[in-house]
Amino acid sequence: HILYFLSDAIWALVNDGVIPKNTFSVLAVNYSNAIIISLLFY
């Protein structure tokens, strides 16, 4: 849960532009969210 919340926080900062929004950053943070949430429910 902690790791997912931190990953989700980075996702929000990428969408806001605080962290540069580009193809790599968008895909990287959403890949992280997808894997961590699966591990969370596992």
ModelCIF file with pLDDT and N, C-alpha, C, O atoms, coordinates in Angstrom:
data_MODEL
#
_entry.id   MODEL 
#
_entity.id                         1 
_entity.type                       polymer 
_entity.pdbx_number_of_molecules   1 
#
_entity_poly.entity_id                      1 
_entity_poly.type                           'polypeptide(L)' 
_entity_poly.nstd_linkage                   no 
_entity_poly.nstd_monomer                   no 
_entity_poly.pdbx_seq_one_letter_code       HILYFLSDAIWALVNDGVIPKNTFSVLAVNYSNAIIISLLFY 
_entity_poly.pdbx_seq_one_letter_code_can   HILYFLSDAIWALVNDGVIPKNTFSVLAVNYSNAIIISLLFY 
_entity_poly.pdbx_strand_id                 A 
#
loop_
_entity_poly_seq.entity_id 
_entity_poly_seq.num 
_entity_poly_seq.mon_id 
_entity_poly_seq.hetero 
1 1  HIS n 
1 2  ILE n 
1 3  LEU n 
1 4  TYR n 
1 5  PHE n 
1 6  LEU n 
1 7  SER n 
1 8  ASP n 
1 9  ALA n 
1 10 ILE n 
1 11 TRP n 
1 12 ALA n 
1 13 LEU n 
1 14 VAL n 
1 15 ASN n 
1 16 ASP n 
1 17 GLY n 
1 18 VAL n 
1 19 ILE n 
1 20 PRO n 
1 21 LYS n 
1 22 ASN n 
1 23 THR n 
1 24 PHE n 
1 25 SER n 
1 26 VAL n 
1 27 LEU n 
1 28 ALA n 
1 29 VAL n 
1 30 ASN n 
1 31 TYR n 
1 32 SER n 
1 33 ASN n 
1 34 ALA n 
1 35 ILE n 
1 36 ILE n 
1 37 ILE n 
1 38 SER n 
1 39 LEU n 
1 40 LEU n 
1 41 PHE n 
1 42 TYR n 
#
_struct_asym.id          A 
_struct_asym.entity_id   1 
#
loop_
_ma_qa_metric.id 
_ma_qa_metric.mode 
_ma_qa_metric.name 
_ma_qa_metric.software_group_id 
_ma_qa_metric.type 
1 global pLDDT . pLDDT 
2 local  pLDDT . pLDDT 
#
_ma_qa_metric_global.metric_id      1 
_ma_qa_metric_global.metric_value   92.10 
_ma_qa_metric_global.model_id       1 
_ma_qa_metric_global.ordinal_id     1 
#
loop_
_ma_qa_metric_local.label_asym_id 
_ma_qa_metric_local.label_comp_id 
_ma_qa_metric_local.label_seq_id 
_ma_qa_metric_local.metric_id 
_ma_qa_metric_local.metric_value 
_ma_qa_metric_local.model_id 
_ma_qa_metric_local.ordinal_id 
A HIS 1  2 93.00 1 1  
A ILE 2  2 95.00 1 2  
A LEU 3  2 96.00 1 3  
A TYR 4  2 94.00 1 4  
A PHE 5  2 94.00 1 5  
A LEU 6  2 95.00 1 6  
A SER 7  2 95.00 1 7  
A ASP 8  2 91.00 1 8  
A ALA 9  2 93.00 1 9  
A ILE 10 2 94.00 1 10 
A TRP 11 2 92.00 1 11 
A ALA 12 2 91.00 1 12 
A LEU 13 2 92.00 1 13 
A VAL 14 2 92.00 1 14 
A ASN 15 2 88.00 1 15 
A ASP 16 2 87.00 1 16 
A GLY 17 2 87.00 1 17 
A VAL 18 2 90.00 1 18 
A ILE 19 2 92.00 1 19 
A PRO 20 2 92.00 1 20 
A LYS 21 2 91.00 1 21 
A ASN 22 2 92.00 1 22 
A THR 23 2 92.00 1 23 
A PHE 24 2 93.00 1 24 
A SER 25 2 92.00 1 25 
A VAL 26 2 92.00 1 26 
A LEU 27 2 93.00 1 27 
A ALA 28 2 94.00 1 28 
A VAL 29 2 94.00 1 29 
A ASN 30 2 93.00 1 30 
A TYR 31 2 94.00 1 31 
A SER 32 2 94.00 1 32 
A ASN 33 2 92.00 1 33 
A ALA 34 2 92.00 1 34 
A ILE 35 2 94.00 1 35 
A ILE 36 2 94.00 1 36 
A ILE 37 2 90.00 1 37 
A SER 38 2 91.00 1 38 
A LEU 39 2 92.00 1 39 
A LEU 40 2 90.00 1 40 
A PHE 41 2 87.00 1 41 
A TYR 42 2 89.00 1 42 
#
loop_
_atom_site.group_PDB 
_atom_site.id 
_atom_site.type_symbol 
_atom_site.label_atom_id 
_atom_site.label_alt_id 
_atom_site.label_comp_id 
_atom_site.label_asym_id 
_atom_site.label_entity_id 
_atom_site.label_seq_id 
_atom_site.pdbx_PDB_ins_code 
_atom_site.Cartn_x 
_atom_site.Cartn_y 
_atom_site.Cartn_z 
_atom_site.occupancy 
_atom_site.B_iso_or_equiv 
_atom_site.pdbx_formal_charge 
_atom_site.auth_seq_id 
_atom_site.auth_comp_id 
_atom_site.auth_asym_id 
_atom_site.auth_atom_id 
_atom_site.pdbx_PDB_model_num 
ATOM 1   N N  . HIS A 1 1  ? 0.838  -1.206  0.000   1.00 93.00 ? 1  HIS A N  1 
ATOM 2   C CA . HIS A 1 1  ? 0.000  0.000   0.000   1.00 93.00 ? 1  HIS A CA 1 
ATOM 3   C C  . HIS A 1 1  ? 0.874  1.257   0.000   1.00 93.00 ? 1  HIS A C  1 
ATOM 4   O O  . HIS A 1 1  ? 0.610  2.205   -0.740  1.00 93.00 ? 1  HIS A O  1 
ATOM 5   N N  . ILE A 1 2  ? 1.899  1.256   0.823   1.00 95.00 ? 2  ILE A N  1 
ATOM 6   C CA . ILE A 1 2  ? 2.798  2.413   0.892   1.00 95.00 ? 2  ILE A CA 1 
ATOM 7   C C  . ILE A 1 2  ? 3.448  2.663   -0.471  1.00 95.00 ? 2  ILE A C  1 
ATOM 8   O O  . ILE A 1 2  ? 3.479  3.796   -0.952  1.00 95.00 ? 2  ILE A O  1 
ATOM 9   N N  . LEU A 1 3  ? 3.964  1.601   -1.085  1.00 96.00 ? 3  LEU A N  1 
ATOM 10  C CA . LEU A 1 3  ? 4.634  1.746   -2.382  1.00 96.00 ? 3  LEU A CA 1 
ATOM 11  C C  . LEU A 1 3  ? 3.660  2.223   -3.457  1.00 96.00 ? 3  LEU A C  1 
ATOM 12  O O  . LEU A 1 3  ? 4.021  3.009   -4.332  1.00 96.00 ? 3  LEU A O  1 
ATOM 13  N N  . TYR A 1 4  ? 2.406  1.733   -3.378  1.00 94.00 ? 4  TYR A N  1 
ATOM 14  C CA . TYR A 1 4  ? 1.426  2.180   -4.374  1.00 94.00 ? 4  TYR A CA 1 
ATOM 15  C C  . TYR A 1 4  ? 1.094  3.663   -4.187  1.00 94.00 ? 4  TYR A C  1 
ATOM 16  O O  . TYR A 1 4  ? 0.992  4.399   -5.168  1.00 94.00 ? 4  TYR A O  1 
ATOM 17  N N  . PHE A 1 5  ? 0.925  4.106   -2.945  1.00 94.00 ? 5  PHE A N  1 
ATOM 18  C CA . PHE A 1 5  ? 0.611  5.514   -2.699  1.00 94.00 ? 5  PHE A CA 1 
ATOM 19  C C  . PHE A 1 5  ? 1.745  6.411   -3.197  1.00 94.00 ? 5  PHE A C  1 
ATOM 20  O O  . PHE A 1 5  ? 1.487  7.469   -3.770  1.00 94.00 ? 5  PHE A O  1 
ATOM 21  N N  . LEU A 1 6  ? 2.992  6.000   -2.985  1.00 95.00 ? 6  LEU A N  1 
ATOM 22  C CA . LEU A 1 6  ? 4.135  6.798   -3.450  1.00 95.00 ? 6  LEU A CA 1 
ATOM 23  C C  . LEU A 1 6  ? 4.194  6.818   -4.974  1.00 95.00 ? 6  LEU A C  1 
ATOM 24  O O  . LEU A 1 6  ? 4.455  7.858   -5.578  1.00 95.00 ? 6  LEU A O  1 
ATOM 25  N N  . SER A 1 7  ? 3.951  5.664   -5.591  1.00 95.00 ? 7  SER A N  1 
ATOM 26  C CA . SER A 1 7  ? 3.931  5.604   -7.051  1.00 95.00 ? 7  SER A CA 1 
ATOM 27  C C  . SER A 1 7  ? 2.803  6.467   -7.616  1.00 95.00 ? 7  SER A C  1 
ATOM 28  O O  . SER A 1 7  ? 2.968  7.136   -8.636  1.00 95.00 ? 7  SER A O  1 
ATOM 29  N N  . ASP A 1 8  ? 1.658  6.440   -6.938  1.00 91.00 ? 8  ASP A N  1 
ATOM 30  C CA . ASP A 1 8  ? 0.508  7.238   -7.369  1.00 91.00 ? 8  ASP A CA 1 
ATOM 31  C C  . ASP A 1 8  ? 0.784  8.732   -7.211  1.00 91.00 ? 8  ASP A C  1 
ATOM 32  O O  . ASP A 1 8  ? 0.311  9.545   -8.005  1.00 91.00 ? 8  ASP A O  1 
ATOM 33  N N  . ALA A 1 9  ? 1.551  9.085   -6.183  1.00 93.00 ? 9  ALA A N  1 
ATOM 34  C CA . ALA A 1 9  ? 1.921  10.491  -5.987  1.00 93.00 ? 9  ALA A CA 1 
ATOM 35  C C  . ALA A 1 9  ? 2.807  10.971  -7.143  1.00 93.00 ? 9  ALA A C  1 
ATOM 36  O O  . ALA A 1 9  ? 2.643  12.089  -7.633  1.00 93.00 ? 9  ALA A O  1 
ATOM 37  N N  . ILE A 1 10 ? 3.736  10.127  -7.570  1.00 94.00 ? 10 ILE A N  1 
ATOM 38  C CA . ILE A 1 10 ? 4.590  10.469  -8.714  1.00 94.00 ? 10 ILE A CA 1 
ATOM 39  C C  . ILE A 1 10 ? 3.746  10.598  -9.976  1.00 94.00 ? 10 ILE A C  1 
ATOM 40  O O  . ILE A 1 10 ? 3.977  11.484  -10.798 1.00 94.00 ? 10 ILE A O  1 
ATOM 41  N N  . TRP A 1 11 ? 2.748  9.693   -10.127 1.00 92.00 ? 11 TRP A N  1 
ATOM 42  C CA . TRP A 1 11 ? 1.824  9.782   -11.267 1.00 92.00 ? 11 TRP A CA 1 
ATOM 43  C C  . TRP A 1 11 ? 1.139  11.149  -11.313 1.00 92.00 ? 11 TRP A C  1 
ATOM 44  O O  . TRP A 1 11 ? 1.007  11.746  -12.381 1.00 92.00 ? 11 TRP A O  1 
ATOM 45  N N  . ALA A 1 12 ? 0.705  11.638  -10.154 1.00 91.00 ? 12 ALA A N  1 
ATOM 46  C CA . ALA A 1 12 ? 0.025  12.932  -10.088 1.00 91.00 ? 12 ALA A CA 1 
ATOM 47  C C  . ALA A 1 12 ? 0.970  14.071  -10.461 1.00 91.00 ? 12 ALA A C  1 
ATOM 48  O O  . ALA A 1 12 ? 0.571  15.009  -11.150 1.00 91.00 ? 12 ALA A O  1 
ATOM 49  N N  . LEU A 1 13 ? 2.226  13.991  -10.005 1.00 92.00 ? 13 LEU A N  1 
ATOM 50  C CA . LEU A 1 13 ? 3.198  15.054  -10.307 1.00 92.00 ? 13 LEU A CA 1 
ATOM 51  C C  . LEU A 1 13 ? 3.563  15.056  -11.788 1.00 92.00 ? 13 LEU A C  1 
ATOM 52  O O  . LEU A 1 13 ? 3.821  16.115  -12.361 1.00 92.00 ? 13 LEU A O  1 
ATOM 53  N N  . VAL A 1 14 ? 3.588  13.875  -12.411 1.00 92.00 ? 14 VAL A N  1 
ATOM 54  C CA . VAL A 1 14 ? 3.832  13.812  -13.859 1.00 92.00 ? 14 VAL A CA 1 
ATOM 55  C C  . VAL A 1 14 ? 2.677  14.447  -14.616 1.00 92.00 ? 14 VAL A C  1 
ATOM 56  O O  . VAL A 1 14 ? 2.903  15.213  -15.552 1.00 92.00 ? 14 VAL A O  1 
ATOM 57  N N  . ASN A 1 15 ? 1.458  14.147  -14.234 1.00 88.00 ? 15 ASN A N  1 
ATOM 58  C CA . ASN A 1 15 ? 0.288  14.717  -14.901 1.00 88.00 ? 15 ASN A CA 1 
ATOM 59  C C  . ASN A 1 15 ? 0.189  16.223  -14.710 1.00 88.00 ? 15 ASN A C  1 
ATOM 60  O O  . ASN A 1 15 ? -0.351 16.929  -15.561 1.00 88.00 ? 15 ASN A O  1 
ATOM 61  N N  . ASP A 1 16 ? 0.718  16.717  -13.578 1.00 87.00 ? 16 ASP A N  1 
ATOM 62  C CA . ASP A 1 16 ? 0.674  18.158  -13.324 1.00 87.00 ? 16 ASP A CA 1 
ATOM 63  C C  . ASP A 1 16 ? 1.828  18.895  -14.000 1.00 87.00 ? 16 ASP A C  1 
ATOM 64  O O  . ASP A 1 16 ? 1.807  20.122  -14.096 1.00 87.00 ? 16 ASP A O  1 
ATOM 65  N N  . GLY A 1 17 ? 2.826  18.159  -14.466 1.00 87.00 ? 17 GLY A N  1 
ATOM 66  C CA . GLY A 1 17 ? 3.971  18.796  -15.098 1.00 87.00 ? 17 GLY A CA 1 
ATOM 67  C C  . GLY A 1 17 ? 5.092  19.141  -14.144 1.00 87.00 ? 17 GLY A C  1 
ATOM 68  O O  . GLY A 1 17 ? 6.119  19.666  -14.576 1.00 87.00 ? 17 GLY A O  1 
ATOM 69  N N  . VAL A 1 18 ? 4.931  18.864  -12.859 1.00 90.00 ? 18 VAL A N  1 
ATOM 70  C CA . VAL A 1 18 ? 6.008  19.100  -11.900 1.00 90.00 ? 18 VAL A CA 1 
ATOM 71  C C  . VAL A 1 18 ? 7.212  18.237  -12.273 1.00 90.00 ? 18 VAL A C  1 
ATOM 72  O O  . VAL A 1 18 ? 8.356  18.693  -12.246 1.00 90.00 ? 18 VAL A O  1 
ATOM 73  N N  . ILE A 1 19 ? 6.934  17.002  -12.617 1.00 92.00 ? 19 ILE A N  1 
ATOM 74  C CA . ILE A 1 19 ? 7.922  16.130  -13.254 1.00 92.00 ? 19 ILE A CA 1 
ATOM 75  C C  . ILE A 1 19 ? 7.627  16.175  -14.745 1.00 92.00 ? 19 ILE A C  1 
ATOM 76  O O  . ILE A 1 19 ? 6.482  15.976  -15.152 1.00 92.00 ? 19 ILE A O  1 
ATOM 77  N N  . PRO A 1 20 ? 8.655  16.437  -15.580 1.00 92.00 ? 20 PRO A N  1 
ATOM 78  C CA . PRO A 1 20 ? 8.399  16.588  -17.029 1.00 92.00 ? 20 PRO A CA 1 
ATOM 79  C C  . PRO A 1 20 ? 7.542  15.455  -17.587 1.00 92.00 ? 20 PRO A C  1 
ATOM 80  O O  . PRO A 1 20 ? 7.822  14.274  -17.382 1.00 92.00 ? 20 PRO A O  1 
ATOM 81  N N  . LYS A 1 21 ? 6.494  15.852  -18.296 1.00 91.00 ? 21 LYS A N  1 
ATOM 82  C CA . LYS A 1 21 ? 5.566  14.872  -18.860 1.00 91.00 ? 21 LYS A CA 1 
ATOM 83  C C  . LYS A 1 21 ? 5.982  14.536  -20.281 1.00 91.00 ? 21 LYS A C  1 
ATOM 84  O O  . LYS A 1 21 ? 5.865  15.359  -21.189 1.00 91.00 ? 21 LYS A O  1 
ATOM 85  N N  . ASN A 1 22 ? 6.465  13.322  -20.459 1.00 92.00 ? 22 ASN A N  1 
ATOM 86  C CA . ASN A 1 22 ? 6.834  12.843  -21.787 1.00 92.00 ? 22 ASN A CA 1 
ATOM 87  C C  . ASN A 1 22 ? 6.442  11.374  -21.896 1.00 92.00 ? 22 ASN A C  1 
ATOM 88  O O  . ASN A 1 22 ? 5.916  10.798  -20.945 1.00 92.00 ? 22 ASN A O  1 
ATOM 89  N N  . THR A 1 23 ? 6.694  10.778  -23.034 1.00 92.00 ? 23 THR A N  1 
ATOM 90  C CA . THR A 1 23 ? 6.280  9.379   -23.250 1.00 92.00 ? 23 THR A CA 1 
ATOM 91  C C  . THR A 1 23 ? 6.887  8.445   -22.209 1.00 92.00 ? 23 THR A C  1 
ATOM 92  O O  . THR A 1 23 ? 6.214  7.565   -21.672 1.00 92.00 ? 23 THR A O  1 
ATOM 93  N N  . PHE A 1 24 ? 8.191  8.658   -21.933 1.00 93.00 ? 24 PHE A N  1 
ATOM 94  C CA . PHE A 1 24 ? 8.861  7.770   -20.976 1.00 93.00 ? 24 PHE A CA 1 
ATOM 95  C C  . PHE A 1 24 ? 8.286  7.910   -19.570 1.00 93.00 ? 24 PHE A C  1 
ATOM 96  O O  . PHE A 1 24 ? 7.989  6.900   -18.932 1.00 93.00 ? 24 PHE A O  1 
ATOM 97  N N  . SER A 1 25 ? 8.119  9.144   -19.066 1.00 92.00 ? 25 SER A N  1 
ATOM 98  C CA . SER A 1 25 ? 7.649  9.342   -17.692 1.00 92.00 ? 25 SER A CA 1 
ATOM 99  C C  . SER A 1 25 ? 6.219  8.856   -17.509 1.00 92.00 ? 25 SER A C  1 
ATOM 100 O O  . SER A 1 25 ? 5.883  8.289   -16.469 1.00 92.00 ? 25 SER A O  1 
ATOM 101 N N  . VAL A 1 26 ? 5.364  9.078   -18.525 1.00 92.00 ? 26 VAL A N  1 
ATOM 102 C CA . VAL A 1 26 ? 3.968  8.650   -18.423 1.00 92.00 ? 26 VAL A CA 1 
ATOM 103 C C  . VAL A 1 26 ? 3.884  7.122   -18.401 1.00 92.00 ? 26 VAL A C  1 
ATOM 104 O O  . VAL A 1 26 ? 3.190  6.544   -17.564 1.00 92.00 ? 26 VAL A O  1 
ATOM 105 N N  . LEU A 1 27 ? 4.595  6.474   -19.326 1.00 93.00 ? 27 LEU A N  1 
ATOM 106 C CA . LEU A 1 27 ? 4.548  5.013   -19.373 1.00 93.00 ? 27 LEU A CA 1 
ATOM 107 C C  . LEU A 1 27 ? 5.216  4.390   -18.152 1.00 93.00 ? 27 LEU A C  1 
ATOM 108 O O  . LEU A 1 27 ? 4.733  3.383   -17.633 1.00 93.00 ? 27 LEU A O  1 
ATOM 109 N N  . ALA A 1 28 ? 6.311  4.967   -17.689 1.00 94.00 ? 28 ALA A N  1 
ATOM 110 C CA . ALA A 1 28 ? 7.038  4.417   -16.543 1.00 94.00 ? 28 ALA A CA 1 
ATOM 111 C C  . ALA A 1 28 ? 6.182  4.440   -15.283 1.00 94.00 ? 28 ALA A C  1 
ATOM 112 O O  . ALA A 1 28 ? 6.101  3.443   -14.566 1.00 94.00 ? 28 ALA A O  1 
ATOM 113 N N  . VAL A 1 29 ? 5.545  5.571   -15.013 1.00 94.00 ? 29 VAL A N  1 
ATOM 114 C CA . VAL A 1 29 ? 4.782  5.672   -13.770 1.00 94.00 ? 29 VAL A CA 1 
ATOM 115 C C  . VAL A 1 29 ? 3.506  4.832   -13.839 1.00 94.00 ? 29 VAL A C  1 
ATOM 116 O O  . VAL A 1 29 ? 3.065  4.291   -12.826 1.00 94.00 ? 29 VAL A O  1 
ATOM 117 N N  . ASN A 1 30 ? 2.921  4.723   -15.014 1.00 93.00 ? 30 ASN A N  1 
ATOM 118 C CA . ASN A 1 30 ? 1.719  3.896   -15.134 1.00 93.00 ? 30 ASN A CA 1 
ATOM 119 C C  . ASN A 1 30 ? 2.045  2.402   -15.149 1.00 93.00 ? 30 ASN A C  1 
ATOM 120 O O  . ASN A 1 30 ? 1.231  1.586   -14.718 1.00 93.00 ? 30 ASN A O  1 
ATOM 121 N N  . TYR A 1 31 ? 3.218  2.045   -15.636 1.00 94.00 ? 31 TYR A N  1 
ATOM 122 C CA . TYR A 1 31 ? 3.680  0.657   -15.527 1.00 94.00 ? 31 TYR A CA 1 
ATOM 123 C C  . TYR A 1 31 ? 3.878  0.303   -14.054 1.00 94.00 ? 31 TYR A C  1 
ATOM 124 O O  . TYR A 1 31 ? 3.480  -0.769  -13.600 1.00 94.00 ? 31 TYR A O  1 
ATOM 125 N N  . SER A 1 32 ? 4.501  1.227   -13.319 1.00 94.00 ? 32 SER A N  1 
ATOM 126 C CA . SER A 1 32 ? 4.708  1.025   -11.878 1.00 94.00 ? 32 SER A CA 1 
ATOM 127 C C  . SER A 1 32 ? 3.376  0.848   -11.160 1.00 94.00 ? 32 SER A C  1 
ATOM 128 O O  . SER A 1 32 ? 3.230  -0.064  -10.346 1.00 94.00 ? 32 SER A O  1 
ATOM 129 N N  . ASN A 1 33 ? 2.417  1.696   -11.448 1.00 92.00 ? 33 ASN A N  1 
ATOM 130 C CA . ASN A 1 33 ? 1.100  1.598   -10.804 1.00 92.00 ? 33 ASN A CA 1 
ATOM 131 C C  . ASN A 1 33 ? 0.429  0.254   -11.096 1.00 92.00 ? 33 ASN A C  1 
ATOM 132 O O  . ASN A 1 33 ? -0.135 -0.371  -10.198 1.00 92.00 ? 33 ASN A O  1 
ATOM 133 N N  . ALA A 1 34 ? 0.495  -0.185  -12.352 1.00 92.00 ? 34 ALA A N  1 
ATOM 134 C CA . ALA A 1 34 ? -0.180 -1.428  -12.742 1.00 92.00 ? 34 ALA A CA 1 
ATOM 135 C C  . ALA A 1 34 ? 0.416  -2.629  -12.026 1.00 92.00 ? 34 ALA A C  1 
ATOM 136 O O  . ALA A 1 34 ? -0.323 -3.496  -11.558 1.00 92.00 ? 34 ALA A O  1 
ATOM 137 N N  . ILE A 1 35 ? 1.738  -2.697  -11.931 1.00 94.00 ? 35 ILE A N  1 
ATOM 138 C CA . ILE A 1 35 ? 2.386  -3.854  -11.302 1.00 94.00 ? 35 ILE A CA 1 
ATOM 139 C C  . ILE A 1 35 ? 2.196  -3.825  -9.790  1.00 94.00 ? 35 ILE A C  1 
ATOM 140 O O  . ILE A 1 35 ? 1.903  -4.851  -9.175  1.00 94.00 ? 35 ILE A O  1 
ATOM 141 N N  . ILE A 1 36 ? 2.361  -2.655  -9.198  1.00 94.00 ? 36 ILE A N  1 
ATOM 142 C CA . ILE A 1 36 ? 2.258  -2.573  -7.733  1.00 94.00 ? 36 ILE A CA 1 
ATOM 143 C C  . ILE A 1 36 ? 0.843  -2.861  -7.260  1.00 94.00 ? 36 ILE A C  1 
ATOM 144 O O  . ILE A 1 36 ? 0.665  -3.515  -6.233  1.00 94.00 ? 36 ILE A O  1 
ATOM 145 N N  . ILE A 1 37 ? -0.179 -2.386  -7.988  1.00 90.00 ? 37 ILE A N  1 
ATOM 146 C CA . ILE A 1 37 ? -1.547 -2.638  -7.530  1.00 90.00 ? 37 ILE A CA 1 
ATOM 147 C C  . ILE A 1 37 ? -1.897 -4.130  -7.659  1.00 90.00 ? 37 ILE A C  1 
ATOM 148 O O  . ILE A 1 37 ? -2.687 -4.650  -6.871  1.00 90.00 ? 37 ILE A O  1 
ATOM 149 N N  . SER A 1 38 ? -1.312 -4.814  -8.650  1.00 91.00 ? 38 SER A N  1 
ATOM 150 C CA . SER A 1 38 ? -1.519 -6.266  -8.743  1.00 91.00 ? 38 SER A CA 1 
ATOM 151 C C  . SER A 1 38 ? -0.860 -6.974  -7.558  1.00 91.00 ? 38 SER A C  1 
ATOM 152 O O  . SER A 1 38 ? -1.437 -7.896  -6.981  1.00 91.00 ? 38 SER A O  1 
ATOM 153 N N  . LEU A 1 39 ? 0.348  -6.540  -7.200  1.00 92.00 ? 39 LEU A N  1 
ATOM 154 C CA . LEU A 1 39 ? 1.040  -7.123  -6.055  1.00 92.00 ? 39 LEU A CA 1 
ATOM 155 C C  . LEU A 1 39 ? 0.317  -6.799  -4.753  1.00 92.00 ? 39 LEU A C  1 
ATOM 156 O O  . LEU A 1 39 ? 0.319  -7.596  -3.815  1.00 92.00 ? 39 LEU A O  1 
ATOM 157 N N  . LEU A 1 40 ? -0.299 -5.623  -4.707  1.00 90.00 ? 40 LEU A N  1 
ATOM 158 C CA . LEU A 1 40 ? -1.056 -5.229  -3.513  1.00 90.00 ? 40 LEU A CA 1 
ATOM 159 C C  . LEU A 1 40 ? -2.223 -6.189  -3.279  1.00 90.00 ? 40 LEU A C  1 
ATOM 160 O O  . LEU A 1 40 ? -2.426 -6.667  -2.163  1.00 90.00 ? 40 LEU A O  1 
ATOM 161 N N  . PHE A 1 41 ? -2.987 -6.466  -4.337  1.00 87.00 ? 41 PHE A N  1 
ATOM 162 C CA . PHE A 1 41 ? -4.148 -7.341  -4.164  1.00 87.00 ? 41 PHE A CA 1 
ATOM 163 C C  . PHE A 1 41 ? -3.754 -8.812  -4.084  1.00 87.00 ? 41 PHE A C  1 
ATOM 164 O O  . PHE A 1 41 ? -4.496 -9.628  -3.538  1.00 87.00 ? 41 PHE A O  1 
ATOM 165 N N  . TYR A 1 42 ? -2.604 -9.144  -4.620  1.00 89.00 ? 42 TYR A N  1 
ATOM 166 C CA . TYR A 1 42 ? -2.034 -10.479 -4.390  1.00 89.00 ? 42 TYR A CA 1 
ATOM 167 C C  . TYR A 1 42 ? -1.740 -10.659 -2.898  1.00 89.00 ? 42 TYR A C  1 
ATOM 168 O O  . TYR A 1 42 ? -1.256 -11.714 -2.487  1.00 89.00 ? 42 TYR A O  1 
#
